[in-house]
Protein backbone atom coordinates (compact mmCIF):
# COMPACT_ATOMS: atom_id res chain seq x y z
CA GLN A 1 22.23 9.63 3.17
CA VAL A 2 19.49 7.95 3.31
CA GLN A 3 18.38 5.33 0.16
CA VAL A 4 15.49 4.08 -0.81
CA VAL A 5 15.27 1.19 -3.18
CA GLU A 6 11.93 -0.39 -4.43
CA SER A 7 11.21 -3.55 -6.54
CA GLY A 8 8.59 -5.57 -7.38
CA GLY A 9 6.76 -4.06 -10.13
CA GLY A 10 6.44 -5.78 -13.70
CA LEU A 11 3.49 -7.02 -15.85
CA VAL A 12 0.59 -8.44 -15.10
CA GLN A 13 -3.14 -8.98 -16.69
CA PRO A 14 -5.84 -7.13 -15.83
CA GLY A 15 -7.35 -8.98 -12.27
CA GLY A 16 -4.28 -10.21 -11.02
CA SER A 17 -1.80 -9.27 -8.58
CA LEU A 18 1.46 -7.77 -7.26
CA ARG A 19 3.70 -7.45 -4.43
CA LEU A 20 6.08 -4.15 -4.14
CA SER A 21 8.90 -3.77 -1.83
CA CYS A 22 10.46 -0.59 -0.64
CA ALA A 23 13.67 -0.78 1.67
CA ALA A 24 15.04 2.63 3.44
CA SER A 25 18.75 2.42 4.48
CA GLY A 26 21.47 4.16 5.59
CA SER A 27 21.68 7.21 7.94
CA ILE A 28 18.09 6.12 9.76
CA GLY A 29 17.55 7.21 12.97
CA THR A 30 13.56 7.54 13.03
CA ILE A 31 11.16 6.46 9.56
CA TYR A 32 7.95 8.79 10.59
CA ALA A 33 5.86 7.22 7.87
CA MET A 34 6.59 5.69 4.39
CA GLY A 35 4.42 5.77 1.74
CA TRP A 36 3.64 4.63 -2.18
CA TYR A 37 2.58 6.99 -4.83
CA ARG A 38 2.61 6.95 -8.46
CA GLN A 39 2.71 9.02 -11.72
CA ALA A 40 1.22 7.78 -15.02
CA ARG A 41 2.10 8.91 -18.27
CA GLY A 42 1.45 12.43 -18.98
CA ASN A 43 -0.44 12.68 -15.04
CA GLN A 44 0.85 14.16 -12.19
CA ARG A 45 2.21 11.75 -9.21
CA GLU A 46 -0.09 10.63 -6.66
CA LEU A 47 -0.95 9.04 -3.41
CA VAL A 48 -1.32 5.42 -3.64
CA ALA A 49 -1.25 4.63 0.78
CA THR A 50 1.04 5.45 3.55
CA ILE A 51 1.81 3.93 6.80
CA THR A 52 2.88 5.67 9.64
CA SER A 53 5.46 4.13 12.32
CA GLY A 54 2.64 3.28 14.57
CA GLY A 55 0.76 1.63 11.92
CA TYR A 56 -2.00 3.84 10.65
CA THR A 57 -2.54 4.03 7.11
CA ASN A 58 -4.45 6.12 4.86
CA TYR A 59 -5.44 4.97 0.90
CA ALA A 60 -6.44 6.68 -2.38
CA GLU A 61 -9.73 6.21 -2.68
CA SER A 62 -9.31 4.37 -5.98
CA VAL A 63 -7.55 1.59 -4.34
CA LYS A 64 -9.00 0.99 -1.37
CA GLY A 65 -10.75 -2.50 -0.94
CA ARG A 66 -7.82 -3.59 -3.46
CA PHE A 67 -4.27 -2.58 -2.04
CA ALA A 68 -2.76 -3.24 1.15
CA ILE A 69 -0.03 -1.60 2.69
CA SER A 70 2.04 -3.37 5.35
CA ARG A 71 5.54 -2.38 7.25
CA ASP A 72 8.34 -4.18 8.93
CA ASN A 73 9.89 -1.46 11.32
CA ALA A 74 12.75 -3.45 11.97
CA LYS A 75 13.66 -4.01 8.69
CA ASN A 76 12.97 -0.17 7.16
CA THR A 77 10.75 -2.07 4.78
CA VAL A 78 7.41 -1.03 3.45
CA TYR A 79 5.23 -3.31 1.32
CA LEU A 80 2.35 -2.65 -1.14
CA GLN A 81 -0.07 -5.68 -1.75
CA MET A 82 -1.93 -4.95 -5.24
CA ASN A 83 -5.02 -7.31 -5.68
CA SER A 84 -7.79 -7.37 -8.49
CA LEU A 85 -5.53 -4.75 -10.88
CA LYS A 86 -6.70 -2.48 -13.22
CA ALA A 87 -5.37 -1.29 -16.39
CA GLU A 88 -5.46 2.43 -14.57
CA ASP A 89 -3.13 1.15 -12.38
CA THR A 90 -0.46 1.28 -14.61
CA ALA A 91 2.43 4.10 -13.57
CA VAL A 92 5.80 4.29 -12.45
CA TYR A 93 5.14 3.34 -8.39
CA TYR A 94 7.39 5.44 -6.05
CA CYS A 95 8.43 4.85 -2.56
CA LYS A 96 8.74 7.84 -0.31
CA ALA A 97 10.13 7.49 3.43
CA VAL A 98 9.61 10.35 5.82
CA TYR A 99 13.05 10.13 8.23
CA ASN A 100 14.75 12.07 11.08
CA ASP A 101 13.96 15.72 10.99
CA MET A 102 11.16 15.40 8.08
CA LYS A 103 13.60 15.00 5.77
CA VAL A 104 11.94 12.96 2.74
CA GLY A 105 13.57 10.64 0.61
CA TRP A 106 12.15 8.98 -2.84
CA GLY A 107 13.25 5.98 -4.67
CA GLN A 108 14.13 5.47 -8.47
CA GLY A 109 10.36 4.15 -9.00
CA THR A 110 9.24 0.69 -10.15
CA GLN A 111 7.09 0.07 -13.67
CA VAL A 112 3.98 -1.46 -12.93
CA THR A 113 1.89 -2.29 -16.16
CA VAL A 114 -1.67 -3.89 -16.13
CA SER A 115 -2.16 -5.39 -19.61
CA SER A 116 -3.19 -8.33 -21.67
């Protein structure tokens, strides 16, 4: 059993910054990739950014140049630095881990609200 736990969400003004963290723990042999997804009210869940164990990153076009994903393999932790936040970034942000025999674990989500 693997637990995936996010933290760091909150309320921020437009143009502000937030840093999300996600830690995976439990019966982990190998984590192949971790990533962030988000779901705004009334919308489907969408990819924000992913990073492989080798450091390869992938970003949604809407966040390129504003968000940065990073990873601490020793701690099975991934971070999402979000800068220049916009109202349209408001969503529940979910962390995903792909581990062992390509199993997938999701966190419970953390709310990010961008509003003045």
